[in-house]
N, C-alpha and C. Protein backbone atom coordinates (compact mmCIF):
# COMPACT_ATOMS: atom_id res chain seq x y z
N MET A 1 9.88 -13.43 48.62
CA MET A 1 10.08 -14.72 49.26
C MET A 1 11.55 -14.86 49.62
N ALA A 2 11.84 -15.43 50.73
CA ALA A 2 13.21 -15.53 51.22
C ALA A 2 13.90 -16.83 50.80
N ILE A 3 13.30 -17.57 49.90
CA ILE A 3 13.88 -18.83 49.46
C ILE A 3 14.35 -18.68 48.02
N ASP A 4 15.64 -18.95 47.77
CA ASP A 4 16.13 -18.93 46.40
C ASP A 4 15.55 -20.12 45.65
N PRO A 5 15.17 -19.91 44.38
CA PRO A 5 14.65 -21.04 43.60
C PRO A 5 15.69 -22.15 43.48
N LEU A 6 15.23 -23.38 43.58
CA LEU A 6 16.09 -24.55 43.43
C LEU A 6 16.64 -24.58 42.01
N PRO A 7 17.94 -24.80 41.82
CA PRO A 7 18.47 -24.91 40.46
C PRO A 7 17.76 -26.04 39.71
N TRP A 8 17.50 -25.80 38.43
CA TRP A 8 16.73 -26.74 37.61
C TRP A 8 17.29 -28.15 37.66
N LEU A 9 18.60 -28.29 37.59
CA LEU A 9 19.19 -29.63 37.55
C LEU A 9 19.11 -30.35 38.89
N GLU A 10 18.67 -29.66 39.94
CA GLU A 10 18.50 -30.30 41.25
C GLU A 10 17.06 -30.76 41.49
N TYR A 11 16.15 -30.48 40.56
CA TYR A 11 14.78 -30.97 40.71
C TYR A 11 14.80 -32.49 40.69
N ARG A 12 13.91 -33.09 41.47
CA ARG A 12 13.75 -34.54 41.50
C ARG A 12 12.34 -34.84 41.03
N TRP A 13 12.20 -35.94 40.32
CA TRP A 13 10.95 -36.22 39.62
C TRP A 13 10.31 -37.52 40.07
N SER A 14 9.03 -37.46 40.27
CA SER A 14 8.22 -38.64 40.58
C SER A 14 6.98 -38.56 39.69
N PHE A 15 6.93 -39.44 38.72
CA PHE A 15 5.82 -39.43 37.77
C PHE A 15 4.87 -40.58 38.09
N ASP A 16 4.18 -40.45 39.21
CA ASP A 16 3.30 -41.52 39.67
C ASP A 16 1.85 -41.08 39.72
N PHE A 17 1.46 -40.25 38.80
CA PHE A 17 0.09 -39.74 38.75
C PHE A 17 -0.61 -40.34 37.53
N PRO A 18 -1.94 -40.33 37.51
CA PRO A 18 -2.66 -40.91 36.39
C PRO A 18 -2.50 -40.08 35.10
N ALA A 19 -2.41 -40.77 33.99
CA ALA A 19 -2.29 -40.10 32.69
C ALA A 19 -3.51 -39.22 32.41
N ALA A 20 -4.62 -39.53 33.04
CA ALA A 20 -5.84 -38.73 32.83
C ALA A 20 -5.72 -37.32 33.40
N MET A 21 -4.60 -37.00 34.04
CA MET A 21 -4.35 -35.63 34.49
C MET A 21 -3.89 -34.73 33.33
N LEU A 22 -3.70 -35.31 32.16
CA LEU A 22 -3.21 -34.52 31.03
C LEU A 22 -3.99 -33.24 30.79
N PRO A 23 -5.33 -33.24 30.78
CA PRO A 23 -6.03 -31.97 30.52
C PRO A 23 -5.68 -30.87 31.52
N ALA A 24 -5.50 -31.21 32.77
CA ALA A 24 -5.13 -30.21 33.78
C ALA A 24 -3.71 -29.70 33.54
N ILE A 25 -2.83 -30.58 33.16
CA ILE A 25 -1.44 -30.17 32.90
C ILE A 25 -1.38 -29.30 31.65
N VAL A 26 -2.14 -29.65 30.63
CA VAL A 26 -2.17 -28.84 29.40
C VAL A 26 -2.74 -27.45 29.71
N THR A 27 -3.72 -27.39 30.59
CA THR A 27 -4.27 -26.09 31.00
C THR A 27 -3.18 -25.24 31.65
N ARG A 28 -2.36 -25.86 32.45
CA ARG A 28 -1.24 -25.15 33.08
C ARG A 28 -0.27 -24.63 32.02
N LEU A 29 0.06 -25.47 31.04
CA LEU A 29 0.94 -25.05 29.95
C LEU A 29 0.32 -23.90 29.15
N ARG A 30 -0.97 -23.98 28.93
CA ARG A 30 -1.69 -22.94 28.18
C ARG A 30 -1.61 -21.59 28.89
N GLY A 31 -1.57 -21.61 30.21
CA GLY A 31 -1.58 -20.38 30.98
C GLY A 31 -0.23 -19.71 31.15
N THR A 32 0.86 -20.37 30.79
CA THR A 32 2.17 -19.78 31.01
C THR A 32 2.37 -18.44 30.30
N PRO A 33 1.99 -18.29 29.03
CA PRO A 33 2.20 -16.97 28.40
C PRO A 33 1.51 -15.84 29.16
N ALA A 34 0.30 -16.04 29.63
CA ALA A 34 -0.42 -15.00 30.37
C ALA A 34 0.29 -14.69 31.69
N ARG A 35 0.76 -15.72 32.38
CA ARG A 35 1.46 -15.49 33.65
C ARG A 35 2.78 -14.75 33.42
N LEU A 36 3.48 -15.09 32.34
CA LEU A 36 4.72 -14.41 32.01
C LEU A 36 4.45 -12.94 31.68
N GLU A 37 3.42 -12.70 30.87
CA GLU A 37 3.08 -11.32 30.52
C GLU A 37 2.72 -10.51 31.75
N GLU A 38 1.97 -11.10 32.66
CA GLU A 38 1.60 -10.38 33.88
C GLU A 38 2.82 -10.04 34.72
N LEU A 39 3.75 -10.98 34.84
CA LEU A 39 4.96 -10.73 35.62
C LEU A 39 5.77 -9.57 35.05
N LEU A 40 5.82 -9.49 33.72
CA LEU A 40 6.70 -8.52 33.07
C LEU A 40 6.01 -7.21 32.68
N ARG A 41 4.70 -7.17 32.78
CA ARG A 41 3.93 -6.02 32.30
C ARG A 41 4.45 -4.68 32.80
N ASP A 42 4.73 -4.56 34.06
CA ASP A 42 5.13 -3.27 34.64
C ASP A 42 6.62 -3.16 34.93
N ALA A 43 7.39 -4.15 34.51
CA ALA A 43 8.83 -4.12 34.80
C ALA A 43 9.54 -3.22 33.79
N PRO A 44 10.21 -2.18 34.27
CA PRO A 44 10.93 -1.30 33.34
C PRO A 44 12.05 -2.05 32.61
N GLU A 45 12.34 -1.59 31.40
CA GLU A 45 13.38 -2.22 30.58
C GLU A 45 14.71 -2.30 31.33
N THR A 46 15.06 -1.27 32.04
CA THR A 46 16.34 -1.26 32.76
C THR A 46 16.41 -2.36 33.82
N ILE A 47 15.26 -2.68 34.38
CA ILE A 47 15.20 -3.78 35.36
C ILE A 47 15.17 -5.13 34.64
N ARG A 48 14.33 -5.25 33.60
CA ARG A 48 14.19 -6.52 32.86
C ARG A 48 15.51 -6.97 32.24
N GLN A 49 16.30 -6.02 31.80
CA GLN A 49 17.51 -6.36 31.04
C GLN A 49 18.79 -6.28 31.87
N ARG A 50 18.65 -6.00 33.15
CA ARG A 50 19.83 -5.91 34.00
C ARG A 50 20.51 -7.27 34.12
N PRO A 51 21.78 -7.34 33.79
CA PRO A 51 22.48 -8.63 33.90
C PRO A 51 22.48 -9.14 35.35
N ALA A 52 22.48 -10.42 35.47
CA ALA A 52 22.55 -11.04 36.79
C ALA A 52 23.93 -11.67 36.94
N ALA A 53 24.48 -11.58 38.12
CA ALA A 53 25.78 -12.21 38.38
C ALA A 53 25.66 -13.71 38.21
N GLY A 54 26.32 -14.24 37.21
CA GLY A 54 26.31 -15.68 37.00
C GLY A 54 24.99 -16.23 36.51
N GLY A 55 24.11 -15.39 36.00
CA GLY A 55 22.82 -15.88 35.52
C GLY A 55 22.23 -14.97 34.47
N TRP A 56 21.00 -15.23 34.16
CA TRP A 56 20.31 -14.48 33.11
C TRP A 56 19.54 -13.31 33.69
N SER A 57 19.37 -12.31 32.86
CA SER A 57 18.47 -11.22 33.20
C SER A 57 17.04 -11.75 33.17
N VAL A 58 16.12 -10.96 33.65
CA VAL A 58 14.69 -11.32 33.61
C VAL A 58 14.26 -11.60 32.17
N GLN A 59 14.63 -10.71 31.26
CA GLN A 59 14.21 -10.88 29.87
C GLN A 59 14.88 -12.10 29.23
N GLU A 60 16.09 -12.42 29.64
CA GLU A 60 16.75 -13.63 29.12
C GLU A 60 16.03 -14.89 29.62
N HIS A 61 15.53 -14.87 30.84
CA HIS A 61 14.72 -16.00 31.32
C HIS A 61 13.48 -16.16 30.42
N ALA A 62 12.83 -15.05 30.10
CA ALA A 62 11.65 -15.10 29.23
C ALA A 62 12.05 -15.63 27.85
N GLY A 63 13.16 -15.15 27.33
CA GLY A 63 13.64 -15.63 26.03
C GLY A 63 14.00 -17.10 26.06
N HIS A 64 14.49 -17.57 27.18
CA HIS A 64 14.82 -18.99 27.30
C HIS A 64 13.57 -19.86 27.09
N LEU A 65 12.44 -19.39 27.59
CA LEU A 65 11.20 -20.15 27.36
C LEU A 65 10.89 -20.25 25.87
N VAL A 66 11.17 -19.19 25.13
CA VAL A 66 11.02 -19.24 23.66
C VAL A 66 12.01 -20.24 23.08
N ALA A 67 13.25 -20.16 23.53
CA ALA A 67 14.32 -20.98 22.96
C ALA A 67 14.11 -22.48 23.17
N VAL A 68 13.47 -22.87 24.27
CA VAL A 68 13.30 -24.31 24.52
C VAL A 68 11.97 -24.85 23.98
N GLU A 69 11.11 -23.98 23.53
CA GLU A 69 9.80 -24.45 23.05
C GLU A 69 9.94 -25.50 21.94
N PRO A 70 10.89 -25.38 21.01
CA PRO A 70 11.02 -26.42 19.97
C PRO A 70 11.30 -27.81 20.50
N ILE A 71 11.98 -27.94 21.64
CA ILE A 71 12.26 -29.29 22.15
C ILE A 71 10.98 -29.99 22.57
N TRP A 72 10.01 -29.23 23.09
CA TRP A 72 8.74 -29.86 23.48
C TRP A 72 8.02 -30.37 22.22
N GLN A 73 8.05 -29.60 21.15
CA GLN A 73 7.42 -30.02 19.89
C GLN A 73 8.13 -31.25 19.32
N VAL A 74 9.45 -31.24 19.33
CA VAL A 74 10.22 -32.38 18.81
C VAL A 74 9.89 -33.63 19.62
N ARG A 75 9.89 -33.50 20.92
CA ARG A 75 9.61 -34.67 21.76
C ARG A 75 8.18 -35.16 21.58
N LEU A 76 7.23 -34.26 21.45
CA LEU A 76 5.85 -34.67 21.20
C LEU A 76 5.79 -35.49 19.91
N SER A 77 6.45 -35.03 18.88
CA SER A 77 6.49 -35.77 17.60
C SER A 77 7.13 -37.14 17.79
N GLU A 78 8.17 -37.19 18.60
CA GLU A 78 8.84 -38.47 18.84
C GLU A 78 7.92 -39.44 19.56
N TYR A 79 7.20 -38.98 20.56
CA TYR A 79 6.24 -39.85 21.24
C TYR A 79 5.22 -40.39 20.25
N LEU A 80 4.64 -39.50 19.47
CA LEU A 80 3.57 -39.91 18.55
C LEU A 80 4.07 -40.82 17.44
N ALA A 81 5.37 -40.73 17.12
CA ALA A 81 5.97 -41.60 16.10
C ALA A 81 6.43 -42.93 16.69
N GLY A 82 6.32 -43.08 18.01
CA GLY A 82 6.73 -44.33 18.65
C GLY A 82 8.22 -44.45 18.89
N ALA A 83 8.93 -43.34 18.98
CA ALA A 83 10.38 -43.37 19.23
C ALA A 83 10.68 -44.03 20.57
N ALA A 84 11.81 -44.73 20.61
CA ALA A 84 12.22 -45.38 21.86
C ALA A 84 12.87 -44.39 22.81
N ALA A 85 13.50 -43.36 22.26
CA ALA A 85 14.21 -42.37 23.08
C ALA A 85 13.90 -40.97 22.59
N LEU A 86 13.96 -40.03 23.51
CA LEU A 86 13.69 -38.62 23.22
C LEU A 86 14.99 -37.90 22.86
N THR A 87 14.87 -36.87 22.07
CA THR A 87 16.01 -36.01 21.74
C THR A 87 16.49 -35.32 23.02
N ALA A 88 17.80 -35.27 23.16
CA ALA A 88 18.37 -34.61 24.33
C ALA A 88 18.24 -33.09 24.19
N ALA A 89 18.01 -32.44 25.30
CA ALA A 89 17.97 -30.98 25.33
C ALA A 89 19.40 -30.45 25.23
N ASP A 90 19.53 -29.23 24.79
CA ASP A 90 20.82 -28.55 24.74
C ASP A 90 21.11 -28.00 26.13
N MET A 91 21.85 -28.75 26.91
CA MET A 91 22.11 -28.34 28.29
C MET A 91 23.08 -27.16 28.37
N GLY A 92 23.69 -26.80 27.25
CA GLY A 92 24.55 -25.62 27.23
C GLY A 92 23.76 -24.35 26.92
N ASN A 93 22.47 -24.52 26.61
CA ASN A 93 21.58 -23.39 26.32
C ASN A 93 22.12 -22.47 25.23
N ARG A 94 22.68 -23.08 24.18
CA ARG A 94 23.26 -22.30 23.09
C ARG A 94 22.23 -21.41 22.40
N ARG A 95 21.00 -21.91 22.19
CA ARG A 95 19.96 -21.09 21.55
C ARG A 95 19.63 -19.87 22.40
N THR A 96 19.55 -20.06 23.69
CA THR A 96 19.24 -18.94 24.59
C THR A 96 20.36 -17.91 24.54
N GLU A 97 21.58 -18.36 24.64
CA GLU A 97 22.73 -17.44 24.66
C GLU A 97 22.88 -16.72 23.33
N ALA A 98 22.74 -17.45 22.23
CA ALA A 98 22.95 -16.86 20.90
C ALA A 98 21.88 -15.84 20.53
N ALA A 99 20.70 -15.96 21.09
CA ALA A 99 19.58 -15.09 20.70
C ALA A 99 19.72 -13.67 21.23
N GLU A 100 20.53 -13.48 22.25
CA GLU A 100 20.70 -12.14 22.84
C GLU A 100 19.35 -11.48 23.10
N TRP A 101 18.58 -12.11 23.96
CA TRP A 101 17.19 -11.71 24.21
C TRP A 101 17.04 -10.27 24.69
N ASN A 102 18.05 -9.74 25.33
CA ASN A 102 17.95 -8.34 25.78
C ASN A 102 17.93 -7.35 24.62
N ASN A 103 18.32 -7.80 23.44
CA ASN A 103 18.30 -6.93 22.25
C ASN A 103 16.98 -6.99 21.50
N HIS A 104 16.02 -7.75 22.00
CA HIS A 104 14.70 -7.87 21.37
C HIS A 104 13.69 -7.06 22.17
N PRO A 105 12.73 -6.45 21.48
CA PRO A 105 11.64 -5.80 22.23
C PRO A 105 10.88 -6.85 23.04
N LEU A 106 10.52 -6.50 24.26
CA LEU A 106 9.78 -7.44 25.11
C LEU A 106 8.52 -7.93 24.41
N ALA A 107 7.80 -7.05 23.74
CA ALA A 107 6.56 -7.45 23.07
C ALA A 107 6.82 -8.57 22.06
N GLU A 108 7.96 -8.53 21.39
CA GLU A 108 8.31 -9.57 20.43
C GLU A 108 8.57 -10.90 21.14
N VAL A 109 9.33 -10.86 22.21
CA VAL A 109 9.63 -12.08 22.98
C VAL A 109 8.33 -12.73 23.45
N LEU A 110 7.44 -11.92 24.00
CA LEU A 110 6.18 -12.44 24.52
C LEU A 110 5.29 -12.98 23.40
N ALA A 111 5.24 -12.28 22.28
CA ALA A 111 4.40 -12.72 21.16
C ALA A 111 4.91 -14.03 20.56
N VAL A 112 6.21 -14.15 20.42
CA VAL A 112 6.78 -15.38 19.85
C VAL A 112 6.51 -16.55 20.80
N PHE A 113 6.67 -16.32 22.09
CA PHE A 113 6.39 -17.39 23.04
C PHE A 113 4.92 -17.79 23.01
N ARG A 114 4.04 -16.80 23.03
CA ARG A 114 2.60 -17.08 23.01
C ARG A 114 2.22 -17.89 21.78
N SER A 115 2.76 -17.53 20.64
CA SER A 115 2.45 -18.23 19.39
C SER A 115 2.97 -19.68 19.41
N ALA A 116 4.21 -19.83 19.83
CA ALA A 116 4.80 -21.18 19.89
C ALA A 116 4.06 -22.06 20.89
N ARG A 117 3.70 -21.50 22.03
CA ARG A 117 3.00 -22.28 23.04
C ARG A 117 1.59 -22.63 22.57
N ALA A 118 0.94 -21.72 21.85
CA ALA A 118 -0.40 -22.02 21.32
C ALA A 118 -0.33 -23.19 20.35
N ALA A 119 0.72 -23.24 19.54
CA ALA A 119 0.87 -24.36 18.60
C ALA A 119 1.06 -25.67 19.35
N LEU A 120 1.87 -25.66 20.41
CA LEU A 120 2.08 -26.87 21.20
C LEU A 120 0.78 -27.32 21.85
N VAL A 121 0.09 -26.40 22.48
CA VAL A 121 -1.15 -26.73 23.19
C VAL A 121 -2.21 -27.24 22.21
N ALA A 122 -2.27 -26.70 21.02
CA ALA A 122 -3.22 -27.20 20.02
C ALA A 122 -2.95 -28.67 19.71
N CYS A 123 -1.70 -29.04 19.62
CA CYS A 123 -1.35 -30.46 19.39
C CYS A 123 -1.72 -31.31 20.60
N LEU A 124 -1.43 -30.79 21.79
CA LEU A 124 -1.72 -31.55 23.02
C LEU A 124 -3.22 -31.72 23.22
N ASP A 125 -4.00 -30.72 22.84
CA ASP A 125 -5.46 -30.80 22.98
C ASP A 125 -6.06 -31.95 22.18
N ALA A 126 -5.38 -32.37 21.13
CA ALA A 126 -5.89 -33.42 20.25
C ALA A 126 -5.52 -34.83 20.73
N LEU A 127 -4.76 -34.94 21.80
CA LEU A 127 -4.29 -36.26 22.25
C LEU A 127 -5.38 -37.08 22.92
N THR A 128 -5.18 -38.37 22.86
CA THR A 128 -6.05 -39.32 23.55
C THR A 128 -5.34 -39.80 24.82
N LEU A 129 -6.07 -40.49 25.67
CA LEU A 129 -5.46 -41.07 26.86
C LEU A 129 -4.36 -42.06 26.46
N GLU A 130 -4.60 -42.80 25.39
CA GLU A 130 -3.59 -43.74 24.90
C GLU A 130 -2.31 -42.98 24.51
N ASP A 131 -2.46 -41.85 23.85
CA ASP A 131 -1.29 -41.03 23.50
C ASP A 131 -0.56 -40.57 24.76
N ALA A 132 -1.30 -40.12 25.75
CA ALA A 132 -0.71 -39.60 26.99
C ALA A 132 0.13 -40.66 27.69
N GLU A 133 -0.20 -41.92 27.48
CA GLU A 133 0.51 -43.02 28.14
C GLU A 133 1.71 -43.53 27.35
N ARG A 134 1.91 -43.02 26.14
CA ARG A 134 3.08 -43.45 25.35
C ARG A 134 4.35 -43.16 26.14
N THR A 135 5.33 -44.04 25.99
CA THR A 135 6.56 -43.94 26.79
C THR A 135 7.78 -43.91 25.88
N ALA A 136 8.77 -43.11 26.29
CA ALA A 136 10.07 -43.07 25.63
C ALA A 136 11.12 -42.77 26.70
N HIS A 137 12.35 -43.05 26.36
CA HIS A 137 13.45 -42.85 27.32
C HIS A 137 13.89 -41.39 27.31
N HIS A 138 13.94 -40.78 28.51
CA HIS A 138 14.42 -39.40 28.65
C HIS A 138 15.93 -39.45 28.87
N PRO A 139 16.71 -38.78 28.01
CA PRO A 139 18.17 -38.93 28.08
C PRO A 139 18.82 -38.39 29.36
N ARG A 140 18.47 -37.21 29.81
CA ARG A 140 19.14 -36.66 31.00
C ARG A 140 18.69 -37.38 32.27
N LEU A 141 17.41 -37.66 32.37
CA LEU A 141 16.91 -38.34 33.57
C LEU A 141 17.22 -39.83 33.55
N ASP A 142 17.58 -40.33 32.36
CA ASP A 142 17.93 -41.74 32.16
C ASP A 142 16.86 -42.68 32.71
N ARG A 143 15.64 -42.42 32.25
CA ARG A 143 14.52 -43.24 32.68
C ARG A 143 13.40 -43.12 31.66
N PRO A 144 12.49 -44.09 31.68
CA PRO A 144 11.32 -43.95 30.81
C PRO A 144 10.42 -42.82 31.30
N MET A 145 9.79 -42.15 30.35
CA MET A 145 8.90 -41.05 30.69
C MET A 145 7.70 -41.12 29.76
N ARG A 146 6.51 -41.02 30.35
CA ARG A 146 5.29 -40.98 29.53
C ARG A 146 5.16 -39.59 28.91
N LEU A 147 4.37 -39.50 27.86
CA LEU A 147 4.10 -38.21 27.24
C LEU A 147 3.50 -37.25 28.27
N VAL A 148 2.59 -37.71 29.09
CA VAL A 148 1.99 -36.86 30.12
C VAL A 148 3.05 -36.40 31.12
N ASP A 149 4.04 -37.24 31.39
CA ASP A 149 5.14 -36.85 32.28
C ASP A 149 5.96 -35.73 31.65
N MET A 150 6.20 -35.83 30.33
CA MET A 150 6.93 -34.79 29.63
C MET A 150 6.18 -33.46 29.72
N CYS A 151 4.87 -33.52 29.65
CA CYS A 151 4.07 -32.29 29.77
C CYS A 151 4.22 -31.68 31.15
N LEU A 152 4.20 -32.51 32.19
CA LEU A 152 4.41 -31.99 33.54
C LEU A 152 5.82 -31.42 33.68
N PHE A 153 6.79 -32.10 33.11
CA PHE A 153 8.18 -31.65 33.11
C PHE A 153 8.27 -30.26 32.47
N ALA A 154 7.59 -30.07 31.34
CA ALA A 154 7.58 -28.78 30.65
C ALA A 154 6.91 -27.71 31.52
N ALA A 155 5.80 -28.06 32.16
CA ALA A 155 5.10 -27.10 33.01
C ALA A 155 5.96 -26.72 34.21
N GLN A 156 6.68 -27.67 34.78
CA GLN A 156 7.58 -27.37 35.90
C GLN A 156 8.72 -26.48 35.43
N HIS A 157 9.21 -26.74 34.22
CA HIS A 157 10.28 -25.90 33.66
C HIS A 157 9.78 -24.46 33.52
N ASP A 158 8.57 -24.31 32.99
CA ASP A 158 7.97 -22.97 32.91
C ASP A 158 7.95 -22.31 34.29
N ASP A 159 7.40 -23.02 35.26
CA ASP A 159 7.24 -22.46 36.60
C ASP A 159 8.58 -22.14 37.25
N HIS A 160 9.59 -22.96 36.97
CA HIS A 160 10.93 -22.69 37.49
C HIS A 160 11.41 -21.32 37.01
N HIS A 161 11.22 -21.04 35.73
CA HIS A 161 11.68 -19.75 35.18
C HIS A 161 10.78 -18.60 35.61
N LEU A 162 9.49 -18.84 35.75
CA LEU A 162 8.61 -17.79 36.27
C LEU A 162 9.00 -17.43 37.70
N ALA A 163 9.34 -18.42 38.50
CA ALA A 163 9.77 -18.17 39.88
C ALA A 163 11.09 -17.40 39.90
N ALA A 164 12.00 -17.75 39.00
CA ALA A 164 13.29 -17.05 38.92
C ALA A 164 13.05 -15.59 38.53
N ILE A 165 12.15 -15.36 37.59
CA ILE A 165 11.82 -13.99 37.17
C ILE A 165 11.23 -13.22 38.34
N HIS A 166 10.29 -13.85 39.03
CA HIS A 166 9.64 -13.19 40.18
C HIS A 166 10.67 -12.80 41.23
N GLU A 167 11.54 -13.73 41.56
CA GLU A 167 12.56 -13.45 42.58
C GLU A 167 13.50 -12.34 42.12
N ARG A 168 13.90 -12.41 40.87
CA ARG A 168 14.83 -11.39 40.33
C ARG A 168 14.17 -10.01 40.33
N LEU A 169 12.93 -9.94 39.91
CA LEU A 169 12.23 -8.65 39.92
C LEU A 169 12.12 -8.11 41.33
N GLY A 170 11.83 -8.98 42.27
CA GLY A 170 11.71 -8.54 43.67
C GLY A 170 13.01 -8.03 44.24
N SER A 171 14.11 -8.61 43.79
CA SER A 171 15.42 -8.17 44.32
C SER A 171 15.92 -6.90 43.66
N LEU A 172 15.32 -6.53 42.53
CA LEU A 172 15.80 -5.36 41.79
C LEU A 172 14.98 -4.10 42.02
N THR A 173 13.77 -4.26 42.55
CA THR A 173 12.90 -3.09 42.70
C THR A 173 12.94 -2.54 44.09
């Protein structure tokens, strides 16, 4: 594709869809590990781990998905506890940087992500429509966000990194 992925912080959000879309959004979240595995299945280590000028390698993008998975769990807990505001994400990506994902076997990165995402999806599968409509303040967006909106936000974040991986792999092969 000849279009560079839009930087994550430039995404604009409109959460004007029905909360009853939650099952479809959770299905999308459930599918991310399989889509990630398919993207990386045939990518040689030398390609996956090649540093990018001013950015992450393919494998570091995959590791980033592992690194941010705890924020989705924390925020889900906050919604269910009735918190007024959500925990802020680490915009410096310290967990991603500190993990040195290129030093991990790809199979480990994928397995850890699959396990963490399965745990999140199991919690989301148990939600009611009332839960999906719970609202809390999102710190970076500085606006109220429903739990279902947070799920879409997470799915878009996944897709942003999958697109970055796809583009990077295409430019390296």
